[in-house]
Amino acid sequence: MQVICLEDAAFYALIDEVVVRLREQYGPANDKWVSDEEAMHLLNVKSKTTLQKLRDEGKIRFSQPQKKIILYDRDSINAYLERNARNTF
């Protein structure tokens, strides 16, 4: 087993470089508008029908830039989840 020793400055520079590379590879973590798949994942729903129901009832915001493209507002999804959160006893 090899042990690698780094000074504090070198260690934090390495961590910064790793973060930059991950952001380049995976893109921004918190886009304002998310796809239906990501919205379903955030809401933990399995069907697009449930997502459409939430959209039709005005419970989550959405944008439709093109006929078949619907994007959902991440902030409204988080707000919906917070409104429906229950405190523990």
PDB file of N, CA and C in Angstrom:
ATOM      1  N   MET A   1       0.840  -1.170   0.000  1.00  0.00           N
ATOM      2  CA  MET A   1       0.000   0.000   0.000  1.00  0.00           C
ATOM      3  C   MET A   1       0.890   1.240   0.000  1.00  0.00           C
ATOM      4  N   GLN A   2       0.520   2.224  -0.819  1.00  0.00           N
ATOM      5  CA  GLN A   2       1.283   3.457  -0.888  1.00  0.00           C
ATOM      6  C   GLN A   2       0.537   4.572  -0.161  1.00  0.00           C
ATOM      7  N   VAL A   3       1.282   5.396   0.503  1.00  0.00           N
ATOM      8  CA  VAL A   3       0.714   6.537   1.201  1.00  0.00           C
ATOM      9  C   VAL A   3       1.200   7.790   0.496  1.00  0.00           C
ATOM     10  N   ILE A   4       0.260   8.663   0.172  1.00  0.00           N
ATOM     11  CA  ILE A   4       0.611   9.917  -0.491  1.00  0.00           C
ATOM     12  C   ILE A   4       0.321  11.054   0.479  1.00  0.00           C
ATOM     13  N   CYS A   5       1.300  11.856   0.727  1.00  0.00           N
ATOM     14  CA  CYS A   5       1.155  13.003   1.636  1.00  0.00           C
ATOM     15  C   CYS A   5       1.078  14.287   0.810  1.00  0.00           C
ATOM     16  N   LEU A   6       0.124  15.129   1.156  1.00  0.00           N
ATOM     17  CA  LEU A   6      -0.037  16.409   0.481  1.00  0.00           C
ATOM     18  C   LEU A   6      -0.127  17.523   1.516  1.00  0.00           C
ATOM     19  N   GLU A   7       0.374  18.671   1.162  1.00  0.00           N
ATOM     20  CA  GLU A   7       0.182  19.827   2.006  1.00  0.00           C
ATOM     21  C   GLU A   7      -1.270  20.285   1.870  1.00  0.00           C
ATOM     22  N   ASP A   8      -1.740  21.047   2.828  1.00  0.00           N
ATOM     23  CA  ASP A   8      -3.136  21.503   2.809  1.00  0.00           C
ATOM     24  C   ASP A   8      -3.491  22.197   1.503  1.00  0.00           C
ATOM     25  N   ALA A   9      -2.650  23.117   1.066  1.00  0.00           N
ATOM     26  CA  ALA A   9      -2.934  23.880  -0.147  1.00  0.00           C
ATOM     27  C   ALA A   9      -3.029  22.965  -1.362  1.00  0.00           C
ATOM     28  N   ALA A  10      -2.132  21.998  -1.473  1.00  0.00           N
ATOM     29  CA  ALA A  10      -2.144  21.066  -2.599  1.00  0.00           C
ATOM     30  C   ALA A  10      -3.383  20.173  -2.551  1.00  0.00           C
ATOM     31  N   PHE A  11      -3.783  19.760  -1.351  1.00  0.00           N
ATOM     32  CA  PHE A  11      -4.974  18.921  -1.204  1.00  0.00           C
ATOM     33  C   PHE A  11      -6.220  19.666  -1.665  1.00  0.00           C
ATOM     34  N   TYR A  12      -6.384  20.912  -1.213  1.00  0.00           N
ATOM     35  CA  TYR A  12      -7.571  21.677  -1.584  1.00  0.00           C
ATOM     36  C   TYR A  12      -7.564  22.057  -3.065  1.00  0.00           C
ATOM     37  N   ALA A  13      -6.388  22.264  -3.631  1.00  0.00           N
ATOM     38  CA  ALA A  13      -6.289  22.519  -5.067  1.00  0.00           C
ATOM     39  C   ALA A  13      -6.728  21.282  -5.853  1.00  0.00           C
ATOM     40  N   LEU A  14      -6.348  20.105  -5.369  1.00  0.00           N
ATOM     41  CA  LEU A  14      -6.766  18.855  -6.008  1.00  0.00           C
ATOM     42  C   LEU A  14      -8.282  18.688  -5.923  1.00  0.00           C
ATOM     43  N   ILE A  15      -8.852  18.967  -4.762  1.00  0.00           N
ATOM     44  CA  ILE A  15     -10.311  18.862  -4.596  1.00  0.00           C
ATOM     45  C   ILE A  15     -11.025  19.824  -5.537  1.00  0.00           C
ATOM     46  N   ASP A  16     -10.525  21.062  -5.659  1.00  0.00           N
ATOM     47  CA  ASP A  16     -11.126  22.034  -6.570  1.00  0.00           C
ATOM     48  C   ASP A  16     -11.089  21.546  -8.009  1.00  0.00           C
ATOM     49  N   GLU A  17      -9.993  20.926  -8.396  1.00  0.00           N
ATOM     50  CA  GLU A  17      -9.859  20.401  -9.752  1.00  0.00           C
ATOM     51  C   GLU A  17     -10.851  19.256 -10.002  1.00  0.00           C
ATOM     52  N   VAL A  18     -11.047  18.412  -9.018  1.00  0.00           N
ATOM     53  CA  VAL A  18     -12.013  17.315  -9.140  1.00  0.00           C
ATOM     54  C   VAL A  18     -13.425  17.875  -9.306  1.00  0.00           C
ATOM     55  N   VAL A  19     -13.766  18.885  -8.533  1.00  0.00           N
ATOM     56  CA  VAL A  19     -15.097  19.503  -8.622  1.00  0.00           C
ATOM     57  C   VAL A  19     -15.311  20.117  -9.998  1.00  0.00           C
ATOM     58  N   VAL A  20     -14.302  20.799 -10.523  1.00  0.00           N
ATOM     59  CA  VAL A  20     -14.412  21.408 -11.853  1.00  0.00           C
ATOM     60  C   VAL A  20     -14.642  20.326 -12.902  1.00  0.00           C
ATOM     61  N   ARG A  21     -13.902  19.248 -12.827  1.00  0.00           N
ATOM     62  CA  ARG A  21     -14.064  18.167 -13.813  1.00  0.00           C
ATOM     63  C   ARG A  21     -15.433  17.505 -13.709  1.00  0.00           C
ATOM     64  N   LEU A  22     -15.941  17.321 -12.499  1.00  0.00           N
ATOM     65  CA  LEU A  22     -17.271  16.728 -12.343  1.00  0.00           C
ATOM     66  C   LEU A  22     -18.354  17.638 -12.908  1.00  0.00           C
ATOM     67  N   ARG A  23     -18.204  18.941 -12.689  1.00  0.00           N
ATOM     68  CA  ARG A  23     -19.187  19.886 -13.247  1.00  0.00           C
ATOM     69  C   ARG A  23     -19.145  19.883 -14.761  1.00  0.00           C
ATOM     70  N   GLU A  24     -17.961  19.776 -15.336  1.00  0.00           N
ATOM     71  CA  GLU A  24     -17.842  19.710 -16.797  1.00  0.00           C
ATOM     72  C   GLU A  24     -18.495  18.450 -17.337  1.00  0.00           C
ATOM     73  N   GLN A  25     -18.328  17.353 -16.632  1.00  0.00           N
ATOM     74  CA  GLN A  25     -18.846  16.076 -17.109  1.00  0.00           C
ATOM     75  C   GLN A  25     -20.354  15.964 -16.932  1.00  0.00           C
ATOM     76  N   TYR A  26     -20.876  16.408 -15.795  1.00  0.00           N
ATOM     77  CA  TYR A  26     -22.288  16.197 -15.494  1.00  0.00           C
ATOM     78  C   TYR A  26     -23.141  17.450 -15.634  1.00  0.00           C
ATOM     79  N   GLY A  27     -22.543  18.584 -15.917  1.00  0.00           N
ATOM     80  CA  GLY A  27     -23.288  19.811 -16.104  1.00  0.00           C
ATOM     81  C   GLY A  27     -23.738  20.403 -14.784  1.00  0.00           C
ATOM     82  N   PRO A  28     -24.477  21.503 -14.866  1.00  0.00           N
ATOM     83  CA  PRO A  28     -24.937  22.159 -13.632  1.00  0.00           C
ATOM     84  C   PRO A  28     -25.893  21.268 -12.860  1.00  0.00           C
ATOM     85  N   ALA A  29     -25.787  21.318 -11.552  1.00  0.00           N
ATOM     86  CA  ALA A  29     -26.576  20.419 -10.714  1.00  0.00           C
ATOM     87  C   ALA A  29     -28.026  20.868 -10.562  1.00  0.00           C
ATOM     88  N   ASN A  30     -28.252  22.159 -10.535  1.00  0.00           N
ATOM     89  CA  ASN A  30     -29.600  22.640 -10.259  1.00  0.00           C
ATOM     90  C   ASN A  30     -30.103  23.549 -11.368  1.00  0.00           C
ATOM     91  N   ASP A  31     -30.538  22.960 -12.462  1.00  0.00           N
ATOM     92  CA  ASP A  31     -31.151  23.741 -13.521  1.00  0.00           C
ATOM     93  C   ASP A  31     -32.498  24.247 -13.039  1.00  0.00           C
ATOM     94  N   LYS A  32     -32.879  25.414 -13.498  1.00  0.00           N
ATOM     95  CA  LYS A  32     -34.178  25.990 -13.122  1.00  0.00           C
ATOM     96  C   LYS A  32     -35.315  25.132 -13.667  1.00  0.00           C
ATOM     97  N   TRP A  33     -35.192  24.695 -14.903  1.00  0.00           N
ATOM     98  CA  TRP A  33     -36.238  23.908 -15.551  1.00  0.00           C
ATOM     99  C   TRP A  33     -35.742  22.483 -15.752  1.00  0.00           C
ATOM    100  N   VAL A  34     -36.589  21.509 -15.409  1.00  0.00           N
ATOM    101  CA  VAL A  34     -36.198  20.102 -15.517  1.00  0.00           C
ATOM    102  C   VAL A  34     -37.161  19.368 -16.442  1.00  0.00           C
ATOM    103  N   SER A  35     -36.695  18.257 -16.987  1.00  0.00           N
ATOM    104  CA  SER A  35     -37.514  17.436 -17.882  1.00  0.00           C
ATOM    105  C   SER A  35     -38.562  16.668 -17.085  1.00  0.00           C
ATOM    106  N   ASP A  36     -39.471  16.027 -17.807  1.00  0.00           N
ATOM    107  CA  ASP A  36     -40.511  15.255 -17.121  1.00  0.00           C
ATOM    108  C   ASP A  36     -39.921  14.069 -16.361  1.00  0.00           C
ATOM    109  N   GLU A  37     -38.871  13.447 -16.895  1.00  0.00           N
ATOM    110  CA  GLU A  37     -38.253  12.325 -16.194  1.00  0.00           C
ATOM    111  C   GLU A  37     -37.655  12.768 -14.861  1.00  0.00           C
ATOM    112  N   GLU A  38     -36.963  13.905 -14.877  1.00  0.00           N
ATOM    113  CA  GLU A  38     -36.360  14.379 -13.635  1.00  0.00           C
ATOM    114  C   GLU A  38     -37.432  14.858 -12.659  1.00  0.00           C
ATOM    115  N   ALA A  39     -38.486  15.488 -13.175  1.00  0.00           N
ATOM    116  CA  ALA A  39     -39.593  15.921 -12.308  1.00  0.00           C
ATOM    117  C   ALA A  39     -40.248  14.712 -11.648  1.00  0.00           C
ATOM    118  N   MET A  40     -40.437  13.643 -12.413  1.00  0.00           N
ATOM    119  CA  MET A  40     -41.017  12.425 -11.849  1.00  0.00           C
ATOM    120  C   MET A  40     -40.102  11.851 -10.780  1.00  0.00           C
ATOM    121  N   HIS A  41     -38.805  11.908 -11.006  1.00  0.00           N
ATOM    122  CA  HIS A  41     -37.840  11.412 -10.022  1.00  0.00           C
ATOM    123  C   HIS A  41     -37.890  12.263  -8.753  1.00  0.00           C
ATOM    124  N   LEU A  42     -37.912  13.589  -8.903  1.00  0.00           N
ATOM    125  CA  LEU A  42     -37.946  14.478  -7.739  1.00  0.00           C
ATOM    126  C   LEU A  42     -39.221  14.281  -6.918  1.00  0.00           C
ATOM    127  N   LEU A  43     -40.338  14.061  -7.606  1.00  0.00           N
ATOM    128  CA  LEU A  43     -41.622  13.884  -6.926  1.00  0.00           C
ATOM    129  C   LEU A  43     -41.871  12.438  -6.499  1.00  0.00           C
ATOM    130  N   ASN A  44     -41.022  11.543  -6.958  1.00  0.00           N
ATOM    131  CA  ASN A  44     -41.163  10.120  -6.677  1.00  0.00           C
ATOM    132  C   ASN A  44     -42.512   9.582  -7.167  1.00  0.00           C
ATOM    133  N   VAL A  45     -42.861   9.950  -8.403  1.00  0.00           N
ATOM    134  CA  VAL A  45     -44.062   9.412  -9.039  1.00  0.00           C
ATOM    135  C   VAL A  45     -43.630   8.540 -10.204  1.00  0.00           C
ATOM    136  N   LYS A  46     -44.452   7.579 -10.549  1.00  0.00           N
ATOM    137  CA  LYS A  46     -44.075   6.598 -11.562  1.00  0.00           C
ATOM    138  C   LYS A  46     -44.709   6.846 -12.920  1.00  0.00           C
ATOM    139  N   SER A  47     -45.791   7.628 -12.982  1.00  0.00           N
ATOM    140  CA  SER A  47     -46.480   7.784 -14.257  1.00  0.00           C
ATOM    141  C   SER A  47     -46.539   9.241 -14.688  1.00  0.00           C
ATOM    142  N   LYS A  48     -46.551   9.432 -15.999  1.00  0.00           N
ATOM    143  CA  LYS A  48     -46.681  10.771 -16.547  1.00  0.00           C
ATOM    144  C   LYS A  48     -48.097  11.309 -16.323  1.00  0.00           C
ATOM    145  N   THR A  49     -49.051  10.423 -16.108  1.00  0.00           N
ATOM    146  CA  THR A  49     -50.418  10.853 -15.833  1.00  0.00           C
ATOM    147  C   THR A  49     -50.499  11.603 -14.509  1.00  0.00           C
ATOM    148  N   THR A  50     -49.790  11.121 -13.507  1.00  0.00           N
ATOM    149  CA  THR A  50     -49.760  11.810 -12.211  1.00  0.00           C
ATOM    150  C   THR A  50     -49.108  13.173 -12.363  1.00  0.00           C
ATOM    151  N   LEU A  51     -48.061  13.246 -13.146  1.00  0.00           N
ATOM    152  CA  LEU A  51     -47.384  14.512 -13.402  1.00  0.00           C
ATOM    153  C   LEU A  51     -48.322  15.481 -14.124  1.00  0.00           C
ATOM    154  N   GLN A  52     -49.076  14.973 -15.089  1.00  0.00           N
ATOM    155  CA  GLN A  52     -50.033  15.806 -15.818  1.00  0.00           C
ATOM    156  C   GLN A  52     -51.133  16.302 -14.884  1.00  0.00           C
ATOM    157  N   LYS A  53     -51.579  15.453 -13.963  1.00  0.00           N
ATOM    158  CA  LYS A  53     -52.613  15.849 -13.004  1.00  0.00           C
ATOM    159  C   LYS A  53     -52.119  17.002 -12.126  1.00  0.00           C
ATOM    160  N   LEU A  54     -50.889  16.905 -11.636  1.00  0.00           N
ATOM    161  CA  LEU A  54     -50.312  17.983 -10.831  1.00  0.00           C
ATOM    162  C   LEU A  54     -50.197  19.268 -11.641  1.00  0.00           C
ATOM    163  N   ARG A  55     -49.856  19.119 -12.902  1.00  0.00           N
ATOM    164  CA  ARG A  55     -49.742  20.265 -13.805  1.00  0.00           C
ATOM    165  C   ARG A  55     -51.110  20.884 -14.071  1.00  0.00           C
ATOM    166  N   ASP A  56     -52.112  20.057 -14.367  1.00  0.00           N
ATOM    167  CA  ASP A  56     -53.450  20.543 -14.683  1.00  0.00           C
ATOM    168  C   ASP A  56     -54.121  21.210 -13.489  1.00  0.00           C
ATOM    169  N   GLU A  57     -53.830  20.725 -12.282  1.00  0.00           N
ATOM    170  CA  GLU A  57     -54.428  21.290 -11.071  1.00  0.00           C
ATOM    171  C   GLU A  57     -53.675  22.538 -10.595  1.00  0.00           C
ATOM    172  N   GLY A  58     -52.587  22.903 -11.284  1.00  0.00           N
ATOM    173  CA  GLY A  58     -51.833  24.092 -10.934  1.00  0.00           C
ATOM    174  C   GLY A  58     -50.966  23.931  -9.695  1.00  0.00           C
ATOM    175  N   LYS A  59     -50.638  22.719  -9.356  1.00  0.00           N
ATOM    176  CA  LYS A  59     -49.833  22.476  -8.160  1.00  0.00           C
ATOM    177  C   LYS A  59     -48.344  22.663  -8.408  1.00  0.00           C
ATOM    178  N   ILE A  60     -47.914  22.478  -9.652  1.00  0.00           N
ATOM    179  CA  ILE A  60     -46.519  22.738 -10.011  1.00  0.00           C
ATOM    180  C   ILE A  60     -46.496  23.578 -11.286  1.00  0.00           C
ATOM    181  N   ARG A  61     -45.512  24.462 -11.389  1.00  0.00           N
ATOM    182  CA  ARG A  61     -45.364  25.319 -12.566  1.00  0.00           C
ATOM    183  C   ARG A  61     -44.688  24.545 -13.682  1.00  0.00           C
ATOM    184  N   PHE A  62     -45.051  24.926 -14.901  1.00  0.00           N
ATOM    185  CA  PHE A  62     -44.414  24.299 -16.055  1.00  0.00           C
ATOM    186  C   PHE A  62     -44.305  25.306 -17.189  1.00  0.00           C
ATOM    187  N   SER A  63     -43.494  24.969 -18.147  1.00  0.00           N
ATOM    188  CA  SER A  63     -43.330  25.779 -19.346  1.00  0.00           C
ATOM    189  C   SER A  63     -43.378  24.834 -20.536  1.00  0.00           C
ATOM    190  N   GLN A  64     -43.996  25.292 -21.605  1.00  0.00           N
ATOM    191  CA  GLN A  64     -44.082  24.467 -22.804  1.00  0.00           C
ATOM    192  C   GLN A  64     -43.504  25.258 -23.981  1.00  0.00           C
ATOM    193  N   PRO A  65     -42.169  25.228 -24.135  1.00  0.00           N
ATOM    194  CA  PRO A  65     -41.540  26.008 -25.202  1.00  0.00           C
ATOM    195  C   PRO A  65     -41.875  25.502 -26.607  1.00  0.00           C
ATOM    196  N   GLN A  66     -42.184  24.219 -26.726  1.00  0.00           N
ATOM    197  CA  GLN A  66     -42.603  23.643 -28.000  1.00  0.00           C
ATOM    198  C   GLN A  66     -43.752  22.690 -27.723  1.00  0.00           C
ATOM    199  N   LYS A  67     -44.440  22.284 -28.771  1.00  0.00           N
ATOM    200  CA  LYS A  67     -45.648  21.477 -28.609  1.00  0.00           C
ATOM    201  C   LYS A  67     -45.432  20.224 -27.766  1.00  0.00           C
ATOM    202  N   LYS A  68     -44.376  19.487 -28.005  1.00  0.00           N
ATOM    203  CA  LYS A  68     -44.165  18.221 -27.307  1.00  0.00           C
ATOM    204  C   LYS A  68     -43.116  18.301 -26.197  1.00  0.00           C
ATOM    205  N   ILE A  69     -42.655  19.498 -25.885  1.00  0.00           N
ATOM    206  CA  ILE A  69     -41.648  19.659 -24.841  1.00  0.00           C
ATOM    207  C   ILE A  69     -42.266  20.412 -23.665  1.00  0.00           C
ATOM    208  N   ILE A  70     -42.307  19.762 -22.519  1.00  0.00           N
ATOM    209  CA  ILE A  70     -42.816  20.379 -21.301  1.00  0.00           C
ATOM    210  C   ILE A  70     -41.700  20.330 -20.269  1.00  0.00           C
ATOM    211  N   LEU A  71     -41.391  21.478 -19.699  1.00  0.00           N
ATOM    212  CA  LEU A  71     -40.367  21.577 -18.670  1.00  0.00           C
ATOM    213  C   LEU A  71     -41.026  22.014 -17.369  1.00  0.00           C
ATOM    214  N   TYR A  72     -40.484  21.545 -16.254  1.00  0.00           N
ATOM    215  CA  TYR A  72     -41.068  21.811 -14.945  1.00  0.00           C
ATOM    216  C   TYR A  72     -40.122  22.655 -14.107  1.00  0.00           C
ATOM    217  N   ASP A  73     -40.690  23.572 -13.340  1.00  0.00           N
ATOM    218  CA  ASP A  73     -39.923  24.469 -12.490  1.00  0.00           C
ATOM    219  C   ASP A  73     -39.490  23.732 -11.230  1.00  0.00           C
ATOM    220  N   ARG A  74     -38.174  23.608 -11.056  1.00  0.00           N
ATOM    221  CA  ARG A  74     -37.624  22.889  -9.905  1.00  0.00           C
ATOM    222  C   ARG A  74     -38.069  23.532  -8.589  1.00  0.00           C
ATOM    223  N   ASP A  75     -38.111  24.874  -8.545  1.00  0.00           N
ATOM    224  CA  ASP A  75     -38.501  25.566  -7.316  1.00  0.00           C
ATOM    225  C   ASP A  75     -39.952  25.269  -6.945  1.00  0.00           C
ATOM    226  N   SER A  76     -40.842  25.190  -7.942  1.00  0.00           N
ATOM    227  CA  SER A  76     -42.243  24.897  -7.628  1.00  0.00           C
ATOM    228  C   SER A  76     -42.416  23.446  -7.177  1.00  0.00           C
ATOM    229  N   ILE A  77     -41.583  22.547  -7.691  1.00  0.00           N
ATOM    230  CA  ILE A  77     -41.625  21.151  -7.232  1.00  0.00           C
ATOM    231  C   ILE A  77     -41.189  21.080  -5.777  1.00  0.00           C
ATOM    232  N   ASN A  78     -40.087  21.775  -5.449  1.00  0.00           N
ATOM    233  CA  ASN A  78     -39.625  21.794  -4.057  1.00  0.00           C
ATOM    234  C   ASN A  78     -40.647  22.450  -3.144  1.00  0.00           C
ATOM    235  N   ALA A  79     -41.297  23.523  -3.606  1.00  0.00           N
ATOM    236  CA  ALA A  79     -42.328  24.191  -2.803  1.00  0.00           C
ATOM    237  C   ALA A  79     -43.526  23.260  -2.585  1.00  0.00           C
ATOM    238  N   TYR A  80     -43.914  22.513  -3.618  1.00  0.00           N
ATOM    239  CA  TYR A  80     -45.018  21.560  -3.499  1.00  0.00           C
ATOM    240  C   TYR A  80     -44.690  20.485  -2.463  1.00  0.00           C
ATOM    241  N   LEU A  81     -43.458  19.986  -2.500  1.00  0.00           N
ATOM    242  CA  LEU A  81     -43.054  18.972  -1.531  1.00  0.00           C
ATOM    243  C   LEU A  81     -43.043  19.544  -0.115  1.00  0.00           C
ATOM    244  N   GLU A  82     -42.588  20.782   0.038  1.00  0.00           N
ATOM    245  CA  GLU A  82     -42.574  21.415   1.368  1.00  0.00           C
ATOM    246  C   GLU A  82     -43.993  21.642   1.890  1.00  0.00           C
ATOM    247  N   ARG A  83     -44.907  22.064   1.009  1.00  0.00           N
ATOM    248  CA  ARG A  83     -46.303  22.289   1.429  1.00  0.00           C
ATOM    249  C   ARG A  83     -46.947  20.996   1.918  1.00  0.00           C
ATOM    250  N   ASN A  84     -46.553  19.892   1.343  1.00  0.00           N
ATOM    251  CA  ASN A  84     -47.165  18.611   1.701  1.00  0.00           C
ATOM    252  C   ASN A  84     -46.358  17.805   2.710  1.00  0.00           C
ATOM    253  N   ALA A  85     -45.313  18.399   3.251  1.00  0.00           N
ATOM    254  CA  ALA A  85     -44.498  17.700   4.251  1.00  0.00           C
ATOM    255  C   ALA A  85     -45.234  17.696   5.576  1.00  0.00           C
ATOM    256  N   ARG A  86     -45.104  16.622   6.302  1.00  0.00           N
ATOM    257  CA  ARG A  86     -45.739  16.482   7.610  1.00  0.00           C
ATOM    258  C   ARG A  86     -44.666  16.384   8.663  1.00  0.00           C
ATOM    259  N   ASN A  87     -44.880  17.063   9.789  1.00  0.00           N
ATOM    260  CA  ASN A  87     -43.944  16.987  10.904  1.00  0.00           C
ATOM    261  C   ASN A  87     -44.113  15.661  11.637  1.00  0.00           C
ATOM    262  N   THR A  88     -43.024  15.194  12.215  1.00  0.00           N
ATOM    263  CA  THR A  88     -43.097  13.977  12.995  1.00  0.00           C
ATOM    264  C   THR A  88     -43.674  14.273  14.368  1.00  0.00           C
ATOM    265  N   PHE A  89     -44.103  13.272  15.044  1.00  0.00           N
ATOM    266  CA  PHE A  89     -44.720  13.460  16.367  1.00  0.00           C
ATOM    267  C   PHE A  89     -43.704  13.635  17.430  1.00  0.00           C
TER     268      PHE A  89
END
